[in-house]
Amino acid sequence: MSHSVILLPFVVAFVIFVVRFYFREHAASMANPSFLLAAGSSAMIVLYLVLNVLDRLGTYGTLGFGLVGLALLGVSILRMFML
């Protein structure tokens, strides 16, 4: 069974954070929250893939990563509408 659907919220959140960073915040600083959240979401994607490949993902690891991905997606949508 493929668990690659779990990565979809991470990827969408990453894209929204990057678009906000470049277009709304004009890529002013790497300390902007949008940049940090984009870097964090990409780190979570890499961590999930590495743990999955090494077969170190726990019993409920996929569910945990899915919930974190949905939380990041929610934060990215909220930040998209913030000025």
PDB file of N, CA and C in Angstrom:
ATOM      1  N   MET A   1       0.831  -1.174   0.000  1.00  0.00           N
ATOM      2  CA  MET A   1       0.000   0.000   0.000  1.00  0.00           C
ATOM      3  C   MET A   1       0.886   1.253   0.000  1.00  0.00           C
ATOM      4  N   SER A   2       0.583   2.181  -0.881  1.00  0.00           N
ATOM      5  CA  SER A   2       1.374   3.395  -1.009  1.00  0.00           C
ATOM      6  C   SER A   2       0.862   4.466  -0.058  1.00  0.00           C
ATOM      7  N   HIS A   3       1.776   5.111   0.623  1.00  0.00           N
ATOM      8  CA  HIS A   3       1.414   6.170   1.556  1.00  0.00           C
ATOM      9  C   HIS A   3       1.809   7.539   1.013  1.00  0.00           C
ATOM     10  N   SER A   4       1.971   7.658  -0.301  1.00  0.00           N
ATOM     11  CA  SER A   4       2.421   8.929  -0.856  1.00  0.00           C
ATOM     12  C   SER A   4       1.338   9.998  -0.801  1.00  0.00           C
ATOM     13  N   VAL A   5       0.085   9.622  -0.566  1.00  0.00           N
ATOM     14  CA  VAL A   5      -0.989  10.608  -0.426  1.00  0.00           C
ATOM     15  C   VAL A   5      -0.762  11.460   0.819  1.00  0.00           C
ATOM     16  N   ILE A   6      -0.062  10.915   1.812  1.00  0.00           N
ATOM     17  CA  ILE A   6       0.237  11.649   3.039  1.00  0.00           C
ATOM     18  C   ILE A   6       1.077  12.889   2.729  1.00  0.00           C
ATOM     19  N   LEU A   7       1.876  12.848   1.676  1.00  0.00           N
ATOM     20  CA  LEU A   7       2.752  13.967   1.341  1.00  0.00           C
ATOM     21  C   LEU A   7       2.016  15.116   0.666  1.00  0.00           C
ATOM     22  N   LEU A   8       0.801  14.893   0.201  1.00  0.00           N
ATOM     23  CA  LEU A   8       0.065  15.933  -0.524  1.00  0.00           C
ATOM     24  C   LEU A   8      -0.163  17.203   0.304  1.00  0.00           C
ATOM     25  N   PRO A   9      -0.624  17.124   1.557  1.00  0.00           N
ATOM     26  CA  PRO A   9      -0.769  18.379   2.328  1.00  0.00           C
ATOM     27  C   PRO A   9       0.551  19.108   2.551  1.00  0.00           C
ATOM     28  N   PHE A  10       1.644  18.357   2.726  1.00  0.00           N
ATOM     29  CA  PHE A  10       2.960  18.983   2.887  1.00  0.00           C
ATOM     30  C   PHE A  10       3.353  19.755   1.632  1.00  0.00           C
ATOM     31  N   VAL A  11       3.136  19.155   0.475  1.00  0.00           N
ATOM     32  CA  VAL A  11       3.528  19.787  -0.786  1.00  0.00           C
ATOM     33  C   VAL A  11       2.680  21.031  -1.040  1.00  0.00           C
ATOM     34  N   VAL A  12       1.370  20.936  -0.817  1.00  0.00           N
ATOM     35  CA  VAL A  12       0.502  22.089  -1.031  1.00  0.00           C
ATOM     36  C   VAL A  12       0.855  23.214  -0.052  1.00  0.00           C
ATOM     37  N   ALA A  13       1.091  22.869   1.209  1.00  0.00           N
ATOM     38  CA  ALA A  13       1.486  23.885   2.194  1.00  0.00           C
ATOM     39  C   ALA A  13       2.812  24.524   1.802  1.00  0.00           C
ATOM     40  N   PHE A  14       3.759  23.720   1.331  1.00  0.00           N
ATOM     41  CA  PHE A  14       5.051  24.247   0.900  1.00  0.00           C
ATOM     42  C   PHE A  14       4.872  25.252  -0.234  1.00  0.00           C
ATOM     43  N   VAL A  15       4.061  24.902  -1.214  1.00  0.00           N
ATOM     44  CA  VAL A  15       3.843  25.802  -2.352  1.00  0.00           C
ATOM     45  C   VAL A  15       3.192  27.104  -1.893  1.00  0.00           C
ATOM     46  N   ILE A  16       2.213  27.021  -1.006  1.00  0.00           N
ATOM     47  CA  ILE A  16       1.552  28.235  -0.526  1.00  0.00           C
ATOM     48  C   ILE A  16       2.527  29.104   0.259  1.00  0.00           C
ATOM     49  N   PHE A  17       3.344  28.497   1.119  1.00  0.00           N
ATOM     50  CA  PHE A  17       4.331  29.271   1.882  1.00  0.00           C
ATOM     51  C   PHE A  17       5.329  29.953   0.956  1.00  0.00           C
ATOM     52  N   VAL A  18       5.789  29.248  -0.064  1.00  0.00           N
ATOM     53  CA  VAL A  18       6.774  29.828  -0.981  1.00  0.00           C
ATOM     54  C   VAL A  18       6.157  30.956  -1.791  1.00  0.00           C
ATOM     55  N   VAL A  19       4.934  30.765  -2.266  1.00  0.00           N
ATOM     56  CA  VAL A  19       4.272  31.826  -3.036  1.00  0.00           C
ATOM     57  C   VAL A  19       4.069  33.059  -2.159  1.00  0.00           C
ATOM     58  N   ARG A  20       3.656  32.841  -0.926  1.00  0.00           N
ATOM     59  CA  ARG A  20       3.481  33.986  -0.017  1.00  0.00           C
ATOM     60  C   ARG A  20       4.829  34.662   0.245  1.00  0.00           C
ATOM     61  N   PHE A  21       5.865  33.892   0.431  1.00  0.00           N
ATOM     62  CA  PHE A  21       7.181  34.454   0.713  1.00  0.00           C
ATOM     63  C   PHE A  21       7.657  35.338  -0.434  1.00  0.00           C
ATOM     64  N   TYR A  22       7.468  34.884  -1.670  1.00  0.00           N
ATOM     65  CA  TYR A  22       7.977  35.653  -2.794  1.00  0.00           C
ATOM     66  C   TYR A  22       7.072  36.808  -3.199  1.00  0.00           C
ATOM     67  N   PHE A  23       5.768  36.602  -3.205  1.00  0.00           N
ATOM     68  CA  PHE A  23       4.889  37.634  -3.734  1.00  0.00           C
ATOM     69  C   PHE A  23       4.367  38.608  -2.689  1.00  0.00           C
ATOM     70  N   ARG A  24       4.071  38.144  -1.507  1.00  0.00           N
ATOM     71  CA  ARG A  24       3.523  39.053  -0.481  1.00  0.00           C
ATOM     72  C   ARG A  24       4.621  39.668   0.369  1.00  0.00           C
ATOM     73  N   GLU A  25       5.628  38.899   0.695  1.00  0.00           N
ATOM     74  CA  GLU A  25       6.684  39.410   1.571  1.00  0.00           C
ATOM     75  C   GLU A  25       7.916  39.831   0.785  1.00  0.00           C
ATOM     76  N   HIS A  26       7.879  39.703  -0.521  1.00  0.00           N
ATOM     77  CA  HIS A  26       8.932  40.143  -1.438  1.00  0.00           C
ATOM     78  C   HIS A  26      10.299  39.534  -1.122  1.00  0.00           C
ATOM     79  N   ALA A  27      10.311  38.350  -0.576  1.00  0.00           N
ATOM     80  CA  ALA A  27      11.541  37.604  -0.269  1.00  0.00           C
ATOM     81  C   ALA A  27      12.560  38.468   0.455  1.00  0.00           C
ATOM     82  N   ALA A  28      12.070  39.188   1.435  1.00  0.00           N
ATOM     83  CA  ALA A  28      12.909  40.169   2.115  1.00  0.00           C
ATOM     84  C   ALA A  28      13.959  39.530   3.019  1.00  0.00           C
ATOM     85  N   SER A  29      13.600  38.485   3.729  1.00  0.00           N
ATOM     86  CA  SER A  29      14.528  37.928   4.699  1.00  0.00           C
ATOM     87  C   SER A  29      14.244  36.441   4.888  1.00  0.00           C
ATOM     88  N   MET A  30      15.312  35.712   5.187  1.00  0.00           N
ATOM     89  CA  MET A  30      15.134  34.284   5.449  1.00  0.00           C
ATOM     90  C   MET A  30      14.553  34.042   6.835  1.00  0.00           C
ATOM     91  N   ALA A  31      14.390  35.077   7.627  1.00  0.00           N
ATOM     92  CA  ALA A  31      13.799  34.939   8.954  1.00  0.00           C
ATOM     93  C   ALA A  31      12.284  35.136   8.936  1.00  0.00           C
ATOM     94  N   ASN A  32      11.699  35.366   7.754  1.00  0.00           N
ATOM     95  CA  ASN A  32      10.246  35.502   7.657  1.00  0.00           C
ATOM     96  C   ASN A  32       9.580  34.184   8.007  1.00  0.00           C
ATOM     97  N   PRO A  33       8.431  34.240   8.678  1.00  0.00           N
ATOM     98  CA  PRO A  33       7.735  33.001   9.051  1.00  0.00           C
ATOM     99  C   PRO A  33       7.360  32.126   7.853  1.00  0.00           C
ATOM    100  N   SER A  34       7.014  32.732   6.724  1.00  0.00           N
ATOM    101  CA  SER A  34       6.651  31.933   5.551  1.00  0.00           C
ATOM    102  C   SER A  34       7.831  31.100   5.066  1.00  0.00           C
ATOM    103  N   PHE A  35       9.019  31.702   5.066  1.00  0.00           N
ATOM    104  CA  PHE A  35      10.200  30.952   4.643  1.00  0.00           C
ATOM    105  C   PHE A  35      10.508  29.834   5.619  1.00  0.00           C
ATOM    106  N   LEU A  36      10.429  30.133   6.911  1.00  0.00           N
ATOM    107  CA  LEU A  36      10.726  29.121   7.918  1.00  0.00           C
ATOM    108  C   LEU A  36       9.718  27.973   7.876  1.00  0.00           C
ATOM    109  N   LEU A  37       8.438  28.275   7.658  1.00  0.00           N
ATOM    110  CA  LEU A  37       7.432  27.228   7.564  1.00  0.00           C
ATOM    111  C   LEU A  37       7.598  26.403   6.286  1.00  0.00           C
ATOM    112  N   ALA A  38       8.015  27.053   5.194  1.00  0.00           N
ATOM    113  CA  ALA A  38       8.286  26.307   3.962  1.00  0.00           C
ATOM    114  C   ALA A  38       9.473  25.367   4.154  1.00  0.00           C
ATOM    115  N   ALA A  39      10.511  25.851   4.819  1.00  0.00           N
ATOM    116  CA  ALA A  39      11.668  25.000   5.094  1.00  0.00           C
ATOM    117  C   ALA A  39      11.288  23.855   6.033  1.00  0.00           C
ATOM    118  N   GLY A  40      10.458  24.150   7.020  1.00  0.00           N
ATOM    119  CA  GLY A  40      10.006  23.103   7.940  1.00  0.00           C
ATOM    120  C   GLY A  40       9.149  22.049   7.261  1.00  0.00           C
ATOM    121  N   SER A  41       8.281  22.480   6.347  1.00  0.00           N
ATOM    122  CA  SER A  41       7.440  21.490   5.659  1.00  0.00           C
ATOM    123  C   SER A  41       8.272  20.619   4.719  1.00  0.00           C
ATOM    124  N   SER A  42       9.279  21.209   4.076  1.00  0.00           N
ATOM    125  CA  SER A  42      10.129  20.373   3.221  1.00  0.00           C
ATOM    126  C   SER A  42      10.988  19.426   4.063  1.00  0.00           C
ATOM    127  N   ALA A  43      11.402  19.864   5.258  1.00  0.00           N
ATOM    128  CA  ALA A  43      12.149  18.970   6.147  1.00  0.00           C
ATOM    129  C   ALA A  43      11.268  17.814   6.616  1.00  0.00           C
ATOM    130  N   MET A  44       9.995  18.073   6.855  1.00  0.00           N
ATOM    131  CA  MET A  44       9.064  17.012   7.260  1.00  0.00           C
ATOM    132  C   MET A  44       8.864  16.000   6.124  1.00  0.00           C
ATOM    133  N   ILE A  45       8.823  16.483   4.886  1.00  0.00           N
ATOM    134  CA  ILE A  45       8.699  15.576   3.739  1.00  0.00           C
ATOM    135  C   ILE A  45       9.909  14.659   3.678  1.00  0.00           C
ATOM    136  N   VAL A  46      11.096  15.236   3.810  1.00  0.00           N
ATOM    137  CA  VAL A  46      12.326  14.438   3.756  1.00  0.00           C
ATOM    138  C   VAL A  46      12.375  13.455   4.921  1.00  0.00           C
ATOM    139  N   LEU A  47      11.991  13.893   6.107  1.00  0.00           N
ATOM    140  CA  LEU A  47      11.987  13.012   7.274  1.00  0.00           C
ATOM    141  C   LEU A  47      11.022  11.845   7.082  1.00  0.00           C
ATOM    142  N   TYR A  48       9.840  12.116   6.560  1.00  0.00           N
ATOM    143  CA  TYR A  48       8.868  11.044   6.316  1.00  0.00           C
ATOM    144  C   TYR A  48       9.417  10.037   5.307  1.00  0.00           C
ATOM    145  N   LEU A  49       9.996  10.545   4.229  1.00  0.00           N
ATOM    146  CA  LEU A  49      10.533   9.644   3.198  1.00  0.00           C
ATOM    147  C   LEU A  49      11.686   8.806   3.736  1.00  0.00           C
ATOM    148  N   VAL A  50      12.577   9.416   4.500  1.00  0.00           N
ATOM    149  CA  VAL A  50      13.719   8.682   5.051  1.00  0.00           C
ATOM    150  C   VAL A  50      13.245   7.615   6.037  1.00  0.00           C
ATOM    151  N   LEU A  51      12.337   7.983   6.932  1.00  0.00           N
ATOM    152  CA  LEU A  51      11.829   6.999   7.894  1.00  0.00           C
ATOM    153  C   LEU A  51      11.064   5.877   7.204  1.00  0.00           C
ATOM    154  N   ASN A  52      10.359   6.199   6.133  1.00  0.00           N
ATOM    155  CA  ASN A  52       9.618   5.180   5.399  1.00  0.00           C
ATOM    156  C   ASN A  52      10.559   4.234   4.674  1.00  0.00           C
ATOM    157  N   VAL A  53      11.608   4.774   4.073  1.00  0.00           N
ATOM    158  CA  VAL A  53      12.567   3.936   3.353  1.00  0.00           C
ATOM    159  C   VAL A  53      13.338   3.040   4.317  1.00  0.00           C
ATOM    160  N   LEU A  54      13.726   3.592   5.456  1.00  0.00           N
ATOM    161  CA  LEU A  54      14.473   2.813   6.447  1.00  0.00           C
ATOM    162  C   LEU A  54      13.575   1.899   7.278  1.00  0.00           C
ATOM    163  N   ASP A  55      12.286   1.950   7.030  1.00  0.00           N
ATOM    164  CA  ASP A  55      11.292   1.137   7.732  1.00  0.00           C
ATOM    165  C   ASP A  55      11.324   1.403   9.236  1.00  0.00           C
ATOM    166  N   ARG A  56      11.519   2.663   9.607  1.00  0.00           N
ATOM    167  CA  ARG A  56      11.555   3.070  11.005  1.00  0.00           C
ATOM    168  C   ARG A  56      10.287   3.828  11.407  1.00  0.00           C
ATOM    169  N   LEU A  57       9.330   3.896  10.500  1.00  0.00           N
ATOM    170  CA  LEU A  57       8.088   4.590  10.783  1.00  0.00           C
ATOM    171  C   LEU A  57       7.250   3.727  11.712  1.00  0.00           C
ATOM    172  N   GLY A  58       6.810   4.312  12.804  1.00  0.00           N
ATOM    173  CA  GLY A  58       6.043   3.573  13.799  1.00  0.00           C
ATOM    174  C   GLY A  58       4.679   3.152  13.283  1.00  0.00           C
ATOM    175  N   THR A  59       3.947   2.477  14.148  1.00  0.00           N
ATOM    176  CA  THR A  59       2.629   1.976  13.777  1.00  0.00           C
ATOM    177  C   THR A  59       1.696   3.102  13.365  1.00  0.00           C
ATOM    178  N   TYR A  60       1.683   4.168  14.131  1.00  0.00           N
ATOM    179  CA  TYR A  60       0.822   5.306  13.819  1.00  0.00           C
ATOM    180  C   TYR A  60       1.609   6.476  13.243  1.00  0.00           C
ATOM    181  N   GLY A  61       2.778   6.216  12.721  1.00  0.00           N
ATOM    182  CA  GLY A  61       3.614   7.269  12.155  1.00  0.00           C
ATOM    183  C   GLY A  61       2.992   7.945  10.959  1.00  0.00           C
ATOM    184  N   THR A  62       2.366   7.152  10.095  1.00  0.00           N
ATOM    185  CA  THR A  62       1.733   7.723   8.910  1.00  0.00           C
ATOM    186  C   THR A  62       0.587   8.636   9.313  1.00  0.00           C
ATOM    187  N   LEU A  63      -0.190   8.220  10.296  1.00  0.00           N
ATOM    188  CA  LEU A  63      -1.288   9.050  10.783  1.00  0.00           C
ATOM    189  C   LEU A  63      -0.752  10.336  11.407  1.00  0.00           C
ATOM    190  N   GLY A  64       0.321  10.239  12.167  1.00  0.00           N
ATOM    191  CA  GLY A  64       0.931  11.419  12.773  1.00  0.00           C
ATOM    192  C   GLY A  64       1.427  12.400  11.740  1.00  0.00           C
ATOM    193  N   PHE A  65       2.124  11.894  10.732  1.00  0.00           N
ATOM    194  CA  PHE A  65       2.610  12.780   9.673  1.00  0.00           C
ATOM    195  C   PHE A  65       1.442  13.373   8.897  1.00  0.00           C
ATOM    196  N   GLY A  66       0.393  12.613   8.705  1.00  0.00           N
ATOM    197  CA  GLY A  66      -0.787  13.128   8.019  1.00  0.00           C
ATOM    198  C   GLY A  66      -1.439  14.264   8.795  1.00  0.00           C
ATOM    199  N   LEU A  67      -1.526  14.121  10.101  1.00  0.00           N
ATOM    200  CA  LEU A  67      -2.109  15.186  10.929  1.00  0.00           C
ATOM    201  C   LEU A  67      -1.229  16.426  10.948  1.00  0.00           C
ATOM    202  N   VAL A  68       0.080  16.226  11.010  1.00  0.00           N
ATOM    203  CA  VAL A  68       1.000  17.375  10.953  1.00  0.00           C
ATOM    204  C   VAL A  68       0.885  18.075   9.597  1.00  0.00           C
ATOM    205  N   GLY A  69       0.767  17.298   8.531  1.00  0.00           N
ATOM    206  CA  GLY A  69       0.599  17.876   7.197  1.00  0.00           C
ATOM    207  C   GLY A  69      -0.686  18.674   7.075  1.00  0.00           C
ATOM    208  N   LEU A  70      -1.768  18.151   7.630  1.00  0.00           N
ATOM    209  CA  LEU A  70      -3.031  18.893   7.607  1.00  0.00           C
ATOM    210  C   LEU A  70      -2.950  20.162   8.449  1.00  0.00           C
ATOM    211  N   ALA A  71      -2.236  20.095   9.563  1.00  0.00           N
ATOM    212  CA  ALA A  71      -2.050  21.291  10.388  1.00  0.00           C
ATOM    213  C   ALA A  71      -1.244  22.346   9.628  1.00  0.00           C
ATOM    214  N   LEU A  72      -0.180  21.920   8.959  1.00  0.00           N
ATOM    215  CA  LEU A  72       0.610  22.863   8.160  1.00  0.00           C
ATOM    216  C   LEU A  72      -0.216  23.444   7.019  1.00  0.00           C
ATOM    217  N   LEU A  73      -1.059  22.620   6.412  1.00  0.00           N
ATOM    218  CA  LEU A  73      -1.926  23.105   5.340  1.00  0.00           C
ATOM    219  C   LEU A  73      -2.899  24.145   5.882  1.00  0.00           C
ATOM    220  N   GLY A  74      -3.462  23.896   7.052  1.00  0.00           N
ATOM    221  CA  GLY A  74      -4.355  24.873   7.670  1.00  0.00           C
ATOM    222  C   GLY A  74      -3.654  26.180   7.986  1.00  0.00           C
ATOM    223  N   VAL A  75      -2.441  26.087   8.524  1.00  0.00           N
ATOM    224  CA  VAL A  75      -1.668  27.299   8.824  1.00  0.00           C
ATOM    225  C   VAL A  75      -1.344  28.059   7.544  1.00  0.00           C
ATOM    226  N   SER A  76      -1.004  27.334   6.487  1.00  0.00           N
ATOM    227  CA  SER A  76      -0.661  28.009   5.231  1.00  0.00           C
ATOM    228  C   SER A  76      -1.873  28.709   4.634  1.00  0.00           C
ATOM    229  N   ILE A  77      -3.049  28.091   4.730  1.00  0.00           N
ATOM    230  CA  ILE A  77      -4.252  28.739   4.208  1.00  0.00           C
ATOM    231  C   ILE A  77      -4.595  29.971   5.045  1.00  0.00           C
ATOM    232  N   LEU A  78      -4.466  29.863   6.372  1.00  0.00           N
ATOM    233  CA  LEU A  78      -4.715  31.040   7.225  1.00  0.00           C
ATOM    234  C   LEU A  78      -3.733  32.162   6.928  1.00  0.00           C
ATOM    235  N   ARG A  79      -2.466  31.824   6.750  1.00  0.00           N
ATOM    236  CA  ARG A  79      -1.455  32.846   6.457  1.00  0.00           C
ATOM    237  C   ARG A  79      -1.647  33.448   5.077  1.00  0.00           C
ATOM    238  N   MET A  80      -2.249  32.714   4.168  1.00  0.00           N
ATOM    239  CA  MET A  80      -2.471  33.229   2.827  1.00  0.00           C
ATOM    240  C   MET A  80      -3.436  34.414   2.863  1.00  0.00           C
ATOM    241  N   PHE A  81      -4.405  34.385   3.792  1.00  0.00           N
ATOM    242  CA  PHE A  81      -5.383  35.453   3.863  1.00  0.00           C
ATOM    243  C   PHE A  81      -5.019  36.538   4.863  1.00  0.00           C
ATOM    244  N   MET A  82      -3.902  36.348   5.573  1.00  0.00           N
ATOM    245  CA  MET A  82      -3.435  37.396   6.485  1.00  0.00           C
ATOM    246  C   MET A  82      -2.639  38.434   5.693  1.00  0.00           C
ATOM    247  N   LEU A  83      -2.746  39.658   6.085  1.00  0.00           N
ATOM    248  CA  LEU A  83      -1.994  40.700   5.374  1.00  0.00           C
ATOM    249  C   LEU A  83      -0.648  40.907   5.951  1.00  0.00           C
TER     250      LEU A  83
END
